[in-house]
Amino acid sequence: YAIIPASTASFVTELTAIGHGLGFSRTIVAHNDSLIAVKFTPGTIFDQTPGPDAGRQLNR
């Protein structure tokens, strides 16, 4: 899990860049030693945005 510190720091930077406070941003990425990683490959992908294409299956 060597990537976690850099990844969380980068996410904090992104959150603060869009206007979230530093305290809030650090709280969002706070974690303990019981982290797990999940890797998956989606079988089917759908448009999730509101509008007329909502629910439309996307091509890979």
PDB file of N, CA and C in Angstrom:
ATOM      1  N   TYR A   1       0.818  -1.207   0.000  1.00  0.00           N
ATOM      2  CA  TYR A   1       0.000   0.000   0.000  1.00  0.00           C
ATOM      3  C   TYR A   1       0.857   1.264   0.000  1.00  0.00           C
ATOM      4  N   ALA A   2       1.994   1.188  -0.615  1.00  0.00           N
ATOM      5  CA  ALA A   2       2.915   2.323  -0.638  1.00  0.00           C
ATOM      6  C   ALA A   2       2.344   3.532  -1.371  1.00  0.00           C
ATOM      7  N   ILE A   3       1.387   3.322  -2.232  1.00  0.00           N
ATOM      8  CA  ILE A   3       0.816   4.413  -3.029  1.00  0.00           C
ATOM      9  C   ILE A   3      -0.184   5.272  -2.238  1.00  0.00           C
ATOM     10  N   ILE A   4      -0.656   4.786  -1.116  1.00  0.00           N
ATOM     11  CA  ILE A   4      -1.723   5.475  -0.379  1.00  0.00           C
ATOM     12  C   ILE A   4      -1.356   6.901   0.027  1.00  0.00           C
ATOM     13  N   PRO A   5      -0.203   7.169   0.623  1.00  0.00           N
ATOM     14  CA  PRO A   5       0.086   8.560   1.019  1.00  0.00           C
ATOM     15  C   PRO A   5       0.077   9.542  -0.150  1.00  0.00           C
ATOM     16  N   ALA A   6       0.688   9.175  -1.254  1.00  0.00           N
ATOM     17  CA  ALA A   6       0.716  10.077  -2.410  1.00  0.00           C
ATOM     18  C   ALA A   6      -0.674  10.241  -3.016  1.00  0.00           C
ATOM     19  N   SER A   7      -1.426   9.162  -3.062  1.00  0.00           N
ATOM     20  CA  SER A   7      -2.768   9.210  -3.631  1.00  0.00           C
ATOM     21  C   SER A   7      -3.701  10.073  -2.793  1.00  0.00           C
ATOM     22  N   THR A   8      -3.655   9.903  -1.482  1.00  0.00           N
ATOM     23  CA  THR A   8      -4.524  10.708  -0.623  1.00  0.00           C
ATOM     24  C   THR A   8      -4.108  12.174  -0.636  1.00  0.00           C
ATOM     25  N   ALA A   9      -2.817  12.445  -0.670  1.00  0.00           N
ATOM     26  CA  ALA A   9      -2.348  13.835  -0.738  1.00  0.00           C
ATOM     27  C   ALA A   9      -2.807  14.491  -2.036  1.00  0.00           C
ATOM     28  N   SER A  10      -2.762  13.754  -3.122  1.00  0.00           N
ATOM     29  CA  SER A  10      -3.209  14.272  -4.411  1.00  0.00           C
ATOM     30  C   SER A  10      -4.705  14.570  -4.395  1.00  0.00           C
ATOM     31  N   PHE A  11      -5.476  13.692  -3.778  1.00  0.00           N
ATOM     32  CA  PHE A  11      -6.921  13.904  -3.704  1.00  0.00           C
ATOM     33  C   PHE A  11      -7.241  15.117  -2.837  1.00  0.00           C
ATOM     34  N   VAL A  12      -6.516  15.300  -1.740  1.00  0.00           N
ATOM     35  CA  VAL A  12      -6.694  16.491  -0.901  1.00  0.00           C
ATOM     36  C   VAL A  12      -6.423  17.746  -1.729  1.00  0.00           C
ATOM     37  N   THR A  13      -5.382  17.720  -2.526  1.00  0.00           N
ATOM     38  CA  THR A  13      -5.063  18.858  -3.395  1.00  0.00           C
ATOM     39  C   THR A  13      -6.211  19.145  -4.360  1.00  0.00           C
ATOM     40  N   GLU A  14      -6.767  18.108  -4.950  1.00  0.00           N
ATOM     41  CA  GLU A  14      -7.892  18.278  -5.880  1.00  0.00           C
ATOM     42  C   GLU A  14      -9.118  18.842  -5.168  1.00  0.00           C
ATOM     43  N   LEU A  15      -9.416  18.327  -3.991  1.00  0.00           N
ATOM     44  CA  LEU A  15     -10.587  18.803  -3.248  1.00  0.00           C
ATOM     45  C   LEU A  15     -10.450  20.262  -2.843  1.00  0.00           C
ATOM     46  N   THR A  16      -9.263  20.645  -2.387  1.00  0.00           N
ATOM     47  CA  THR A  16      -9.076  22.043  -1.984  1.00  0.00           C
ATOM     48  C   THR A  16      -9.078  22.963  -3.201  1.00  0.00           C
ATOM     49  N   ALA A  17      -8.623  22.467  -4.340  1.00  0.00           N
ATOM     50  CA  ALA A  17      -8.611  23.278  -5.564  1.00  0.00           C
ATOM     51  C   ALA A  17     -10.019  23.633  -6.031  1.00  0.00           C
ATOM     52  N   ILE A  18     -10.994  22.793  -5.709  1.00  0.00           N
ATOM     53  CA  ILE A  18     -12.368  23.099  -6.111  1.00  0.00           C
ATOM     54  C   ILE A  18     -13.165  23.753  -4.988  1.00  0.00           C
ATOM     55  N   GLY A  19     -12.455  24.181  -3.935  1.00  0.00           N
ATOM     56  CA  GLY A  19     -13.095  25.003  -2.919  1.00  0.00           C
ATOM     57  C   GLY A  19     -13.404  24.368  -1.579  1.00  0.00           C
ATOM     58  N   HIS A  20     -13.093  23.098  -1.408  1.00  0.00           N
ATOM     59  CA  HIS A  20     -13.324  22.475  -0.104  1.00  0.00           C
ATOM     60  C   HIS A  20     -12.201  22.871   0.845  1.00  0.00           C
ATOM     61  N   GLY A  21     -12.530  23.020   2.112  1.00  0.00           N
ATOM     62  CA  GLY A  21     -11.529  23.381   3.101  1.00  0.00           C
ATOM     63  C   GLY A  21     -10.528  22.259   3.329  1.00  0.00           C
ATOM     64  N   LEU A  22      -9.355  22.631   3.815  1.00  0.00           N
ATOM     65  CA  LEU A  22      -8.303  21.646   4.056  1.00  0.00           C
ATOM     66  C   LEU A  22      -8.726  20.618   5.102  1.00  0.00           C
ATOM     67  N   GLY A  23      -9.362  21.065   6.180  1.00  0.00           N
ATOM     68  CA  GLY A  23      -9.810  20.137   7.222  1.00  0.00           C
ATOM     69  C   GLY A  23     -10.814  19.125   6.692  1.00  0.00           C
ATOM     70  N   PHE A  24     -11.779  19.608   5.924  1.00  0.00           N
ATOM     71  CA  PHE A  24     -12.771  18.721   5.314  1.00  0.00           C
ATOM     72  C   PHE A  24     -12.084  17.722   4.388  1.00  0.00           C
ATOM     73  N   SER A  25     -11.200  18.225   3.549  1.00  0.00           N
ATOM     74  CA  SER A  25     -10.522  17.374   2.572  1.00  0.00           C
ATOM     75  C   SER A  25      -9.697  16.284   3.243  1.00  0.00           C
ATOM     76  N   ARG A  26      -8.998  16.641   4.296  1.00  0.00           N
ATOM     77  CA  ARG A  26      -8.201  15.633   5.015  1.00  0.00           C
ATOM     78  C   ARG A  26      -9.096  14.612   5.711  1.00  0.00           C
ATOM     79  N   THR A  27     -10.261  15.051   6.184  1.00  0.00           N
ATOM     80  CA  THR A  27     -11.196  14.128   6.834  1.00  0.00           C
ATOM     81  C   THR A  27     -11.740  13.119   5.835  1.00  0.00           C
ATOM     82  N   ILE A  28     -12.037  13.570   4.630  1.00  0.00           N
ATOM     83  CA  ILE A  28     -12.572  12.683   3.597  1.00  0.00           C
ATOM     84  C   ILE A  28     -11.606  11.538   3.293  1.00  0.00           C
ATOM     85  N   VAL A  29     -10.308  11.800   3.308  1.00  0.00           N
ATOM     86  CA  VAL A  29      -9.328  10.762   2.954  1.00  0.00           C
ATOM     87  C   VAL A  29      -8.710  10.077   4.170  1.00  0.00           C
ATOM     88  N   ALA A  30      -9.158  10.449   5.368  1.00  0.00           N
ATOM     89  CA  ALA A  30      -8.606   9.830   6.579  1.00  0.00           C
ATOM     90  C   ALA A  30      -8.884   8.321   6.554  1.00  0.00           C
ATOM     91  N   HIS A  31      -7.945   7.548   7.043  1.00  0.00           N
ATOM     92  CA  HIS A  31      -8.084   6.097   7.046  1.00  0.00           C
ATOM     93  C   HIS A  31      -7.263   5.504   8.191  1.00  0.00           C
ATOM     94  N   ASN A  32      -7.495   4.229   8.423  1.00  0.00           N
ATOM     95  CA  ASN A  32      -6.686   3.511   9.408  1.00  0.00           C
ATOM     96  C   ASN A  32      -5.978   2.360   8.696  1.00  0.00           C
ATOM     97  N   ASP A  33      -5.403   1.467   9.437  1.00  0.00           N
ATOM     98  CA  ASP A  33      -4.615   0.386   8.839  1.00  0.00           C
ATOM     99  C   ASP A  33      -5.455  -0.772   8.306  1.00  0.00           C
ATOM    100  N   SER A  34      -6.781  -0.650   8.347  1.00  0.00           N
ATOM    101  CA  SER A  34      -7.620  -1.761   7.893  1.00  0.00           C
ATOM    102  C   SER A  34      -8.128  -1.558   6.461  1.00  0.00           C
ATOM    103  N   LEU A  35      -7.373  -0.826   5.657  1.00  0.00           N
ATOM    104  CA  LEU A  35      -7.756  -0.622   4.264  1.00  0.00           C
ATOM    105  C   LEU A  35      -7.663  -1.917   3.473  1.00  0.00           C
ATOM    106  N   ILE A  36      -8.512  -2.034   2.469  1.00  0.00           N
ATOM    107  CA  ILE A  36      -8.419  -3.146   1.529  1.00  0.00           C
ATOM    108  C   ILE A  36      -8.468  -2.572   0.113  1.00  0.00           C
ATOM    109  N   ALA A  37      -8.019  -3.337  -0.834  1.00  0.00           N
ATOM    110  CA  ALA A  37      -8.087  -2.934  -2.239  1.00  0.00           C
ATOM    111  C   ALA A  37      -9.045  -3.866  -2.964  1.00  0.00           C
ATOM    112  N   VAL A  38      -9.809  -3.301  -3.866  1.00  0.00           N
ATOM    113  CA  VAL A  38     -10.743  -4.082  -4.670  1.00  0.00           C
ATOM    114  C   VAL A  38     -10.456  -3.786  -6.138  1.00  0.00           C
ATOM    115  N   LYS A  39     -10.260  -4.826  -6.913  1.00  0.00           N
ATOM    116  CA  LYS A  39     -10.029  -4.675  -8.349  1.00  0.00           C
ATOM    117  C   LYS A  39     -11.150  -5.406  -9.074  1.00  0.00           C
ATOM    118  N   PHE A  40     -11.752  -4.731 -10.061  1.00  0.00           N
ATOM    119  CA  PHE A  40     -12.827  -5.370 -10.800  1.00  0.00           C
ATOM    120  C   PHE A  40     -12.827  -4.894 -12.249  1.00  0.00           C
ATOM    121  N   THR A  41     -13.466  -5.661 -13.096  1.00  0.00           N
ATOM    122  CA  THR A  41     -13.658  -5.294 -14.492  1.00  0.00           C
ATOM    123  C   THR A  41     -15.156  -5.272 -14.754  1.00  0.00           C
ATOM    124  N   PRO A  42     -15.703  -4.104 -15.098  1.00  0.00           N
ATOM    125  CA  PRO A  42     -17.146  -4.037 -15.346  1.00  0.00           C
ATOM    126  C   PRO A  42     -17.535  -4.875 -16.566  1.00  0.00           C
ATOM    127  N   GLY A  43     -18.665  -5.537 -16.475  1.00  0.00           N
ATOM    128  CA  GLY A  43     -19.158  -6.325 -17.591  1.00  0.00           C
ATOM    129  C   GLY A  43     -19.989  -5.505 -18.555  1.00  0.00           C
ATOM    130  N   THR A  44     -20.731  -4.544 -18.029  1.00  0.00           N
ATOM    131  CA  THR A  44     -21.589  -3.680 -18.829  1.00  0.00           C
ATOM    132  C   THR A  44     -21.523  -2.282 -18.247  1.00  0.00           C
ATOM    133  N   ILE A  45     -21.507  -1.272 -19.120  1.00  0.00           N
ATOM    134  CA  ILE A  45     -21.382   0.115 -18.670  1.00  0.00           C
ATOM    135  C   ILE A  45     -22.576   0.909 -19.191  1.00  0.00           C
ATOM    136  N   PHE A  46     -23.178   1.735 -18.315  1.00  0.00           N
ATOM    137  CA  PHE A  46     -24.335   2.539 -18.676  1.00  0.00           C
ATOM    138  C   PHE A  46     -24.075   4.009 -18.389  1.00  0.00           C
ATOM    139  N   ASP A  47     -24.691   4.879 -19.172  1.00  0.00           N
ATOM    140  CA  ASP A  47     -24.639   6.321 -18.948  1.00  0.00           C
ATOM    141  C   ASP A  47     -25.424   6.626 -17.674  1.00  0.00           C
ATOM    142  N   GLN A  48     -24.799   7.322 -16.735  1.00  0.00           N
ATOM    143  CA  GLN A  48     -25.440   7.625 -15.461  1.00  0.00           C
ATOM    144  C   GLN A  48     -25.826   9.091 -15.318  1.00  0.00           C
ATOM    145  N   THR A  49     -25.583   9.892 -16.349  1.00  0.00           N
ATOM    146  CA  THR A  49     -25.895  11.311 -16.247  1.00  0.00           C
ATOM    147  C   THR A  49     -27.379  11.545 -16.498  1.00  0.00           C
ATOM    148  N   PRO A  50     -27.953  12.574 -15.876  1.00  0.00           N
ATOM    149  CA  PRO A  50     -29.363  12.887 -16.131  1.00  0.00           C
ATOM    150  C   PRO A  50     -29.562  13.291 -17.596  1.00  0.00           C
ATOM    151  N   GLY A  51     -30.723  13.054 -18.097  1.00  0.00           N
ATOM    152  CA  GLY A  51     -31.038  13.472 -19.456  1.00  0.00           C
ATOM    153  C   GLY A  51     -31.547  12.331 -20.309  1.00  0.00           C
ATOM    154  N   PRO A  52     -31.725  12.587 -21.587  1.00  0.00           N
ATOM    155  CA  PRO A  52     -32.336  11.591 -22.464  1.00  0.00           C
ATOM    156  C   PRO A  52     -31.496  10.329 -22.667  1.00  0.00           C
ATOM    157  N   ASP A  53     -30.203  10.399 -22.433  1.00  0.00           N
ATOM    158  CA  ASP A  53     -29.354   9.213 -22.598  1.00  0.00           C
ATOM    159  C   ASP A  53     -29.172   8.416 -21.311  1.00  0.00           C
ATOM    160  N   ALA A  54     -29.796   8.846 -20.236  1.00  0.00           N
ATOM    161  CA  ALA A  54     -29.652   8.142 -18.957  1.00  0.00           C
ATOM    162  C   ALA A  54     -30.082   6.685 -19.117  1.00  0.00           C
ATOM    163  N   GLY A  55     -29.251   5.790 -18.666  1.00  0.00           N
ATOM    164  CA  GLY A  55     -29.546   4.368 -18.744  1.00  0.00           C
ATOM    165  C   GLY A  55     -29.131   3.709 -20.048  1.00  0.00           C
ATOM    166  N   ARG A  56     -28.621   4.489 -20.988  1.00  0.00           N
ATOM    167  CA  ARG A  56     -28.183   3.943 -22.272  1.00  0.00           C
ATOM    168  C   ARG A  56     -26.889   3.160 -22.077  1.00  0.00           C
ATOM    169  N   GLN A  57     -26.820   1.979 -22.658  1.00  0.00           N
ATOM    170  CA  GLN A  57     -25.601   1.178 -22.566  1.00  0.00           C
ATOM    171  C   GLN A  57     -24.511   1.821 -23.413  1.00  0.00           C
ATOM    172  N   LEU A  58     -23.309   1.932 -22.843  1.00  0.00           N
ATOM    173  CA  LEU A  58     -22.172   2.515 -23.543  1.00  0.00           C
ATOM    174  C   LEU A  58     -21.344   1.425 -24.194  1.00  0.00           C
ATOM    175  N   ASN A  59     -20.740   1.752 -25.320  1.00  0.00           N
ATOM    176  CA  ASN A  59     -19.831   0.819 -25.986  1.00  0.00           C
ATOM    177  C   ASN A  59     -18.484   0.844 -25.289  1.00  0.00           C
ATOM    178  N   ARG A  60     -17.795  -0.259 -25.320  1.00  0.00           N
ATOM    179  CA  ARG A  60     -16.472  -0.329 -24.688  1.00  0.00           C
ATOM    180  C   ARG A  60     -15.437   0.332 -25.512  1.00  0.00           C
TER     181      ARG A  60
END
